[in-house]
Amino acid sequence: LDFSISVDENKEARQRVAYLVEELFNNTGKIKSGVSDETVELLASVKAKKDGKHFKNVKKEVDALYKTLTDESAAVTKKIASLSPSLSDRVAEFNRREGDRKLC
């Protein structure tokens, strides 16, 4: 009996890419929910306090959160491109559309 374990590198590569794509979608979800929730809270607190300094400070925090999450997404995008060049165009298009959506 042969109990040797064979490694299917193609299958492992697909699984890695699938995990990274899922991670990219999760980061995008965090950007959408986290940043938009923070922005809503910011606007509500500014309405209540009417304090310009407070607004600027909280806006910096929201912008920092957005930058952190987009940097994480960019790192995941680079990993996907290195593992699967055929998906890099699709991922770039996805990121471009999400960036366009932020501008709206």
C-alpha atoms as a PDB file:
ATOM      1  CA  LEU A   1       0.000   0.000   0.000  1.00  0.00           C
ATOM      2  CA  ASP A   2       1.224   3.455  -0.958  1.00  0.00           C
ATOM      3  CA  PHE A   3       0.146   6.181   1.467  1.00  0.00           C
ATOM      4  CA  SER A   4       2.208   8.951  -0.034  1.00  0.00           C
ATOM      5  CA  ILE A   5       0.629  12.374  -0.227  1.00  0.00           C
ATOM      6  CA  SER A   6       0.715  13.995  -3.607  1.00  0.00           C
ATOM      7  CA  VAL A   7       0.591  17.739  -3.916  1.00  0.00           C
ATOM      8  CA  ASP A   8      -1.639  19.262  -6.552  1.00  0.00           C
ATOM      9  CA  GLU A   9      -0.017  22.663  -7.045  1.00  0.00           C
ATOM     10  CA  ASN A  10      -2.694  23.924  -9.438  1.00  0.00           C
ATOM     11  CA  LYS A  11      -5.430  23.189  -6.939  1.00  0.00           C
ATOM     12  CA  GLU A  12      -3.460  24.834  -4.130  1.00  0.00           C
ATOM     13  CA  ALA A  13      -2.852  27.916  -6.270  1.00  0.00           C
ATOM     14  CA  ARG A  14      -6.570  28.172  -7.084  1.00  0.00           C
ATOM     15  CA  GLN A  15      -7.407  27.872  -3.399  1.00  0.00           C
ATOM     16  CA  ARG A  16      -4.909  30.611  -2.515  1.00  0.00           C
ATOM     17  CA  VAL A  17      -6.350  32.894  -5.167  1.00  0.00           C
ATOM     18  CA  ALA A  18      -9.907  32.134  -4.044  1.00  0.00           C
ATOM     19  CA  TYR A  19      -8.950  32.999  -0.466  1.00  0.00           C
ATOM     20  CA  LEU A  20      -7.326  36.251  -1.580  1.00  0.00           C
ATOM     21  CA  VAL A  21     -10.335  37.229  -3.693  1.00  0.00           C
ATOM     22  CA  GLU A  22     -12.581  36.574  -0.707  1.00  0.00           C
ATOM     23  CA  GLU A  23     -10.261  38.684   1.446  1.00  0.00           C
ATOM     24  CA  LEU A  24     -10.466  41.484  -1.138  1.00  0.00           C
ATOM     25  CA  PHE A  25     -14.270  41.343  -1.070  1.00  0.00           C
ATOM     26  CA  ASN A  26     -14.233  41.411   2.737  1.00  0.00           C
ATOM     27  CA  ASN A  27     -11.943  44.460   2.740  1.00  0.00           C
ATOM     28  CA  THR A  28     -14.251  46.174   0.269  1.00  0.00           C
ATOM     29  CA  GLY A  29     -17.192  45.381   2.520  1.00  0.00           C
ATOM     30  CA  LYS A  30     -15.323  46.858   5.477  1.00  0.00           C
ATOM     31  CA  ILE A  31     -14.636  49.981   3.460  1.00  0.00           C
ATOM     32  CA  LYS A  32     -18.280  50.327   2.499  1.00  0.00           C
ATOM     33  CA  SER A  33     -19.750  49.635   5.914  1.00  0.00           C
ATOM     34  CA  GLY A  34     -17.049  50.986   8.219  1.00  0.00           C
ATOM     35  CA  VAL A  35     -16.297  54.212   6.431  1.00  0.00           C
ATOM     36  CA  SER A  36     -19.929  54.980   5.606  1.00  0.00           C
ATOM     37  CA  ASP A  37     -21.018  54.283   9.194  1.00  0.00           C
ATOM     38  CA  GLU A  38     -18.231  56.502  10.511  1.00  0.00           C
ATOM     39  CA  THR A  39     -19.225  59.236   8.074  1.00  0.00           C
ATOM     40  CA  VAL A  40     -22.871  59.091   9.165  1.00  0.00           C
ATOM     41  CA  GLU A  41     -21.811  59.291  12.810  1.00  0.00           C
ATOM     42  CA  LEU A  42     -19.504  62.181  11.975  1.00  0.00           C
ATOM     43  CA  LEU A  43     -22.277  64.146  10.312  1.00  0.00           C
ATOM     44  CA  ALA A  44     -24.664  63.458  13.189  1.00  0.00           C
ATOM     45  CA  SER A  45     -22.126  64.595  15.789  1.00  0.00           C
ATOM     46  CA  VAL A  46     -21.272  67.725  13.811  1.00  0.00           C
ATOM     47  CA  LYS A  47     -24.965  68.616  13.579  1.00  0.00           C
ATOM     48  CA  ALA A  48     -25.292  68.204  17.324  1.00  0.00           C
ATOM     49  CA  LYS A  49     -22.082  69.948  18.407  1.00  0.00           C
ATOM     50  CA  LYS A  50     -21.560  72.396  15.545  1.00  0.00           C
ATOM     51  CA  ASP A  51     -17.834  72.269  16.253  1.00  0.00           C
ATOM     52  CA  GLY A  52     -15.434  72.687  13.347  1.00  0.00           C
ATOM     53  CA  LYS A  53     -12.422  71.297  15.203  1.00  0.00           C
ATOM     54  CA  HIS A  54     -14.301  68.160  16.163  1.00  0.00           C
ATOM     55  CA  PHE A  55     -15.356  67.698  12.550  1.00  0.00           C
ATOM     56  CA  LYS A  56     -11.783  68.000  11.280  1.00  0.00           C
ATOM     57  CA  ASN A  57     -10.443  65.547  13.877  1.00  0.00           C
ATOM     58  CA  VAL A  58     -13.070  62.901  13.207  1.00  0.00           C
ATOM     59  CA  LYS A  59     -12.735  63.385   9.436  1.00  0.00           C
ATOM     60  CA  LYS A  60      -8.995  62.695   9.775  1.00  0.00           C
ATOM     61  CA  GLU A  61      -9.819  59.468  11.622  1.00  0.00           C
ATOM     62  CA  VAL A  62     -12.293  58.402   8.926  1.00  0.00           C
ATOM     63  CA  ASP A  63      -9.776  59.216   6.192  1.00  0.00           C
ATOM     64  CA  ALA A  64      -7.084  57.236   8.033  1.00  0.00           C
ATOM     65  CA  LEU A  65      -9.434  54.250   8.322  1.00  0.00           C
ATOM     66  CA  TYR A  66     -10.213  54.491   4.605  1.00  0.00           C
ATOM     67  CA  LYS A  67      -6.520  54.712   3.716  1.00  0.00           C
ATOM     68  CA  THR A  68      -5.661  51.698   5.890  1.00  0.00           C
ATOM     69  CA  LEU A  69      -8.380  49.568   4.322  1.00  0.00           C
ATOM     70  CA  THR A  70      -7.524  50.624   0.773  1.00  0.00           C
ATOM     71  CA  ASP A  71      -3.846  49.874   1.423  1.00  0.00           C
ATOM     72  CA  GLU A  72      -4.805  46.395   2.631  1.00  0.00           C
ATOM     73  CA  SER A  73      -6.901  45.920  -0.516  1.00  0.00           C
ATOM     74  CA  ALA A  74      -3.996  47.053  -2.693  1.00  0.00           C
ATOM     75  CA  ALA A  75      -1.688  44.535  -1.008  1.00  0.00           C
ATOM     76  CA  VAL A  76      -4.201  41.741  -1.597  1.00  0.00           C
ATOM     77  CA  THR A  77      -4.581  42.859  -5.213  1.00  0.00           C
ATOM     78  CA  LYS A  78      -0.824  42.595  -5.717  1.00  0.00           C
ATOM     79  CA  LYS A  79      -0.825  39.088  -4.244  1.00  0.00           C
ATOM     80  CA  ILE A  80      -3.648  38.048  -6.561  1.00  0.00           C
ATOM     81  CA  ALA A  81      -1.826  39.479  -9.580  1.00  0.00           C
ATOM     82  CA  SER A  82       1.342  37.595  -8.672  1.00  0.00           C
ATOM     83  CA  LEU A  83      -0.495  34.290  -8.204  1.00  0.00           C
ATOM     84  CA  SER A  84      -2.919  34.589 -11.116  1.00  0.00           C
ATOM     85  CA  PRO A  85      -2.042  37.091 -13.840  1.00  0.00           C
ATOM     86  CA  SER A  86      -5.243  36.180 -15.700  1.00  0.00           C
ATOM     87  CA  LEU A  87      -7.328  37.620 -12.842  1.00  0.00           C
ATOM     88  CA  SER A  88      -5.349  40.834 -12.494  1.00  0.00           C
ATOM     89  CA  ASP A  89      -7.449  42.643 -15.137  1.00  0.00           C
ATOM     90  CA  ARG A  90     -10.697  41.656 -13.446  1.00  0.00           C
ATOM     91  CA  VAL A  91      -9.440  42.669 -10.024  1.00  0.00           C
ATOM     92  CA  ALA A  92      -8.168  45.995 -11.393  1.00  0.00           C
ATOM     93  CA  GLU A  93     -11.591  46.627 -12.940  1.00  0.00           C
ATOM     94  CA  PHE A  94     -13.291  45.741  -9.647  1.00  0.00           C
ATOM     95  CA  ASN A  95     -11.024  48.135  -7.723  1.00  0.00           C
ATOM     96  CA  ARG A  96     -11.579  50.878 -10.298  1.00  0.00           C
ATOM     97  CA  ARG A  97     -15.351  50.538 -10.022  1.00  0.00           C
ATOM     98  CA  GLU A  98     -15.213  50.585  -6.236  1.00  0.00           C
ATOM     99  CA  GLY A  99     -13.068  53.725  -6.415  1.00  0.00           C
ATOM    100  CA  ASP A 100     -15.597  55.330  -8.748  1.00  0.00           C
ATOM    101  CA  ARG A 101     -18.366  54.378  -6.349  1.00  0.00           C
ATOM    102  CA  LYS A 102     -16.574  56.180  -3.502  1.00  0.00           C
ATOM    103  CA  LEU A 103     -16.567  59.387  -5.518  1.00  0.00           C
ATOM    104  CA  CYS A 104     -20.365  59.316  -5.830  1.00  0.00           C
END
